[in-house]
């Protein structure tokens, strides 16, 4: 399955060069409802969930992908306001599960079943649905440079490097980071002319269609 991961440019180059992808730890995620998505009318249930979440924080992290790279919100929120990079991966289908988006918080079935645990691990508020997220959980091992990483392998294979519409990286910088990694397409993105989408810039890195960043 082809999926996408958005990053600031400097982190993307570092991950490409070191052939790895960062594992996100739970207590640094941008959604405080992670593992906290079910209804909690009972104090004892809230206490149990706090304990469950604390154990997960200590032992597990996740890698999150999106189904598509065309949504401008993804570039704005996760790729340094379109100045970053999107990495496209072929990931083994068995290693990913789609997130379920819900308006209402589900009821936790007790005693917990595999279904109810999956609700905790893969449910988010409907407002996040633009992400079209797929994710997997990983046991945390040794830190490297203060973070946890998963190496590129047969389960997670780099296939695309897409420079954002406002990204200042040139093709040579990306090729140098790739260091001969084969079967990786490299191209520049631009804002579409007729829709609210981010699309491929067919004029390449030096094309005149590059949007000029505005100071904010």
Protein backbone atom coordinates (compact mmCIF):
# COMPACT_ATOMS: atom_id res chain seq x y z
CA UNK A 1 0.00 0.00 0.00
CA UNK A 2 1.34 3.46 -0.91
CA UNK A 3 1.02 5.88 2.02
CA UNK A 4 2.47 9.28 2.90
CA UNK A 5 4.29 10.92 5.79
CA UNK A 6 4.81 14.71 6.10
CA UNK A 7 7.88 16.35 7.64
CA UNK A 8 9.81 19.62 7.84
CA UNK A 9 12.56 19.66 5.21
CA UNK A 10 15.55 19.24 7.51
CA UNK A 11 14.03 16.24 9.31
CA UNK A 12 13.02 14.66 6.01
CA UNK A 13 16.56 14.91 4.65
CA UNK A 14 17.96 13.43 7.85
CA UNK A 15 15.53 10.50 7.75
CA UNK A 16 16.22 9.87 4.06
CA UNK A 17 19.97 9.93 4.67
CA UNK A 18 19.76 7.62 7.71
CA UNK A 19 17.06 5.41 6.16
CA UNK A 20 14.64 5.62 9.05
CA UNK A 21 11.29 7.06 10.13
CA UNK A 22 10.49 8.52 13.53
CA UNK A 23 8.19 6.70 15.93
CA UNK A 24 5.87 9.20 17.65
CA UNK A 25 5.51 8.85 21.42
CA UNK A 26 2.03 9.19 22.83
CA UNK A 27 2.57 12.07 25.25
CA UNK A 28 3.92 14.26 22.41
CA UNK A 29 0.99 13.78 20.01
CA UNK A 30 -1.15 16.75 19.00
CA UNK A 31 -4.46 15.10 19.97
CA UNK A 32 -5.03 14.84 23.76
CA UNK A 33 -7.89 12.39 23.14
CA UNK A 34 -5.47 9.67 21.98
CA UNK A 35 -6.25 6.54 24.08
CA UNK A 36 -8.85 8.72 25.83
CA UNK A 37 -11.56 8.54 23.18
CA UNK A 38 -14.24 6.49 24.94
CA UNK A 39 -17.02 7.78 27.17
CA UNK A 40 -15.90 7.98 30.81
CA UNK A 41 -18.94 8.52 33.06
CA UNK A 42 -17.41 6.49 35.91
CA UNK A 43 -14.47 7.66 38.04
CA UNK A 44 -13.10 4.13 38.31
CA UNK A 45 -13.08 3.83 34.54
CA UNK A 46 -11.19 7.11 34.23
CA UNK A 47 -8.61 5.87 36.72
CA UNK A 48 -8.22 2.60 34.82
CA UNK A 49 -7.78 4.45 31.53
CA UNK A 50 -5.14 6.72 33.07
CA UNK A 51 -3.22 3.63 34.13
CA UNK A 52 -3.60 2.05 30.68
CA UNK A 53 -2.45 5.23 28.95
CA UNK A 54 0.54 5.61 31.28
CA UNK A 55 1.62 2.03 30.52
CA UNK A 56 1.25 2.63 26.78
CA UNK A 57 3.25 5.88 27.00
CA UNK A 58 6.12 3.98 28.63
CA UNK A 59 6.14 1.04 26.24
CA UNK A 60 4.68 1.95 22.84
CA UNK A 61 4.69 4.57 20.11
CA UNK A 62 3.13 4.87 16.67
CA UNK A 63 3.93 5.75 13.08
CA UNK A 64 1.18 7.62 11.27
CA UNK A 65 0.62 7.86 7.52
CA UNK A 66 -1.97 9.42 5.24
CA UNK A 67 -3.65 7.83 2.23
CA UNK A 68 -2.93 10.82 0.01
CA UNK A 69 -0.51 13.76 -0.27
CA UNK A 70 -2.88 16.15 -2.08
CA UNK A 71 -4.67 17.77 0.89
CA UNK A 72 -3.24 21.28 1.56
CA UNK A 73 -4.11 21.02 5.28
CA UNK A 74 -1.67 18.15 5.69
CA UNK A 75 1.11 20.25 4.18
CA UNK A 76 0.18 23.21 6.38
CA UNK A 77 -0.01 21.25 9.64
CA UNK A 78 2.75 18.65 9.25
CA UNK A 79 5.16 19.88 6.56
CA UNK A 80 6.15 23.31 7.87
CA UNK A 81 3.42 25.25 6.06
CA UNK A 82 4.26 23.75 2.65
CA UNK A 83 8.00 24.38 3.15
CA UNK A 84 8.59 20.76 4.06
CA UNK A 85 8.60 17.37 2.35
CA UNK A 86 6.21 14.45 1.96
CA UNK A 87 7.71 10.96 1.88
CA UNK A 88 5.79 8.23 0.06
CA UNK A 89 6.23 4.66 1.31
CA UNK A 90 5.14 1.23 0.24
CA UNK A 91 4.07 -0.37 3.51
CA UNK A 92 2.98 -3.96 3.96
CA UNK A 93 -0.82 -3.96 4.30
CA UNK A 94 -0.57 -6.17 7.38
CA UNK A 95 1.36 -3.43 9.15
CA UNK A 96 -1.31 -0.73 8.95
CA UNK A 97 -4.82 -0.16 10.24
CA UNK A 98 -7.05 2.81 9.30
CA UNK A 99 -8.22 5.21 11.96
CA UNK A 100 -11.97 5.34 12.58
CA UNK A 101 -13.38 8.87 12.86
CA UNK A 102 -16.38 9.43 15.11
CA UNK A 103 -18.58 12.31 16.24
CA UNK A 104 -19.62 10.47 19.41
CA UNK A 105 -17.29 8.86 21.90
CA UNK A 106 -17.77 5.06 21.91
CA UNK A 107 -18.70 3.03 24.98
CA UNK A 108 -15.90 0.84 26.30
CA UNK A 109 -17.07 -2.76 26.56
CA UNK A 110 -16.09 -4.45 29.83
CA UNK A 111 -14.29 -6.68 30.29
CA UNK A 112 -12.15 -5.32 27.43
CA UNK A 113 -12.20 -7.29 24.18
CA UNK A 114 -9.90 -7.06 21.16
CA UNK A 115 -12.58 -4.94 19.50
CA UNK A 116 -12.75 -2.48 22.40
CA UNK A 117 -8.95 -2.23 22.64
CA UNK A 118 -8.82 -1.45 18.92
CA UNK A 119 -11.38 1.30 19.51
CA UNK A 120 -8.99 2.88 22.00
CA UNK A 121 -6.00 2.54 19.68
CA UNK A 122 -7.62 3.57 16.38
CA UNK A 123 -10.45 6.05 17.09
CA UNK A 124 -10.28 9.83 16.68
CA UNK A 125 -12.76 12.71 16.55
CA UNK A 126 -14.42 13.29 13.20
CA UNK A 127 -12.68 16.66 12.84
CA UNK A 128 -9.40 14.83 12.15
CA UNK A 129 -10.82 12.93 9.17
CA UNK A 130 -9.01 15.12 6.63
CA UNK A 131 -5.84 13.24 7.62
CA UNK A 132 -7.15 9.92 6.20
CA UNK A 133 -4.80 8.32 8.69
CA UNK A 134 -3.42 4.81 8.81
CA UNK A 135 -1.20 3.84 11.71
CA UNK A 136 0.65 1.09 13.45
CA UNK A 137 1.95 0.69 16.98
CA UNK A 138 5.54 -0.21 17.87
CA UNK A 139 7.25 -1.26 21.05
CA UNK A 140 9.78 1.38 22.12
CA UNK A 141 13.37 0.17 22.18
CA UNK A 142 16.57 2.22 22.30
CA UNK A 143 16.59 5.95 21.65
CA UNK A 144 18.75 7.49 18.95
CA UNK A 145 19.39 11.23 18.99
CA UNK A 146 16.76 11.52 21.74
CA UNK A 147 14.00 9.84 19.69
CA UNK A 148 12.79 6.41 18.62
CA UNK A 149 13.04 5.32 14.97
CA UNK A 150 12.03 2.47 12.69
CA UNK A 151 14.52 1.62 9.92
CA UNK A 152 13.51 1.43 6.27
CA UNK A 153 13.13 -2.26 5.42
CA UNK A 154 10.98 -4.62 3.35
CA UNK A 155 7.93 -3.62 5.42
CA UNK A 156 8.51 0.13 5.01
CA UNK A 157 10.10 1.04 1.67
CA UNK A 158 10.74 4.63 0.55
CA UNK A 159 9.26 5.23 -2.92
CA UNK A 160 8.61 8.99 -3.28
CA UNK A 161 10.13 12.26 -2.11
CA UNK A 162 7.83 15.22 -2.74
CA UNK A 163 9.16 18.70 -2.04
CA UNK A 164 6.46 21.14 -0.91
CA UNK A 165 5.30 24.09 -2.96
CA UNK A 166 7.33 26.49 -0.78
CA UNK A 167 10.21 24.11 -0.07
CA UNK A 168 13.67 25.59 -0.71
CA UNK A 169 15.44 22.26 -1.16
CA UNK A 170 16.93 21.64 -4.58
CA UNK A 171 17.09 18.34 -6.41
CA UNK A 172 20.81 17.89 -5.71
CA UNK A 173 20.27 18.08 -1.92
CA UNK A 174 17.62 15.38 -2.09
CA UNK A 175 19.68 13.15 -4.40
CA UNK A 176 22.67 13.47 -2.07
CA UNK A 177 20.52 12.38 0.87
CA UNK A 178 19.18 9.40 -1.09
CA UNK A 179 22.75 8.15 -1.68
CA UNK A 180 21.72 5.94 -4.55
CA UNK A 181 18.57 4.46 -2.96
CA UNK A 182 16.84 2.86 -5.93
CA UNK A 183 13.27 3.14 -7.22
CA UNK A 184 12.56 6.46 -5.47
CA UNK A 185 10.69 9.12 -7.47
CA UNK A 186 11.62 12.74 -6.63
CA UNK A 187 9.47 15.67 -7.67
CA UNK A 188 8.24 19.12 -6.72
CA UNK A 189 4.69 20.00 -5.65
CA UNK A 190 2.66 23.09 -6.46
CA UNK A 191 -0.79 24.43 -5.64
CA UNK A 192 -3.41 23.39 -8.20
CA UNK A 193 -4.81 26.10 -10.46
CA UNK A 194 -8.49 25.05 -10.37
CA UNK A 195 -8.99 23.09 -7.14
CA UNK A 196 -7.96 23.20 -3.47
CA UNK A 197 -5.33 20.52 -3.99
CA UNK A 198 -1.59 20.14 -4.00
CA UNK A 199 -0.38 18.53 -7.23
CA UNK A 200 2.81 17.63 -9.06
CA UNK A 201 4.73 20.53 -10.62
CA UNK A 202 5.55 19.18 -14.05
CA UNK A 203 8.06 21.97 -14.60
CA UNK A 204 10.21 20.46 -11.87
CA UNK A 205 12.29 22.20 -9.23
CA UNK A 206 13.24 25.14 -11.42
CA UNK A 207 9.80 25.74 -12.93
CA UNK A 208 8.20 29.16 -12.85
CA UNK A 209 5.07 27.83 -11.12
CA UNK A 210 6.72 27.87 -7.69
CA UNK A 211 4.62 29.89 -5.24
CA UNK A 212 6.36 32.67 -3.34
CA UNK A 213 6.06 32.40 0.48
CA UNK A 214 4.49 35.34 2.25
CA UNK A 215 5.71 36.62 5.60
CA UNK A 216 3.28 35.89 8.44
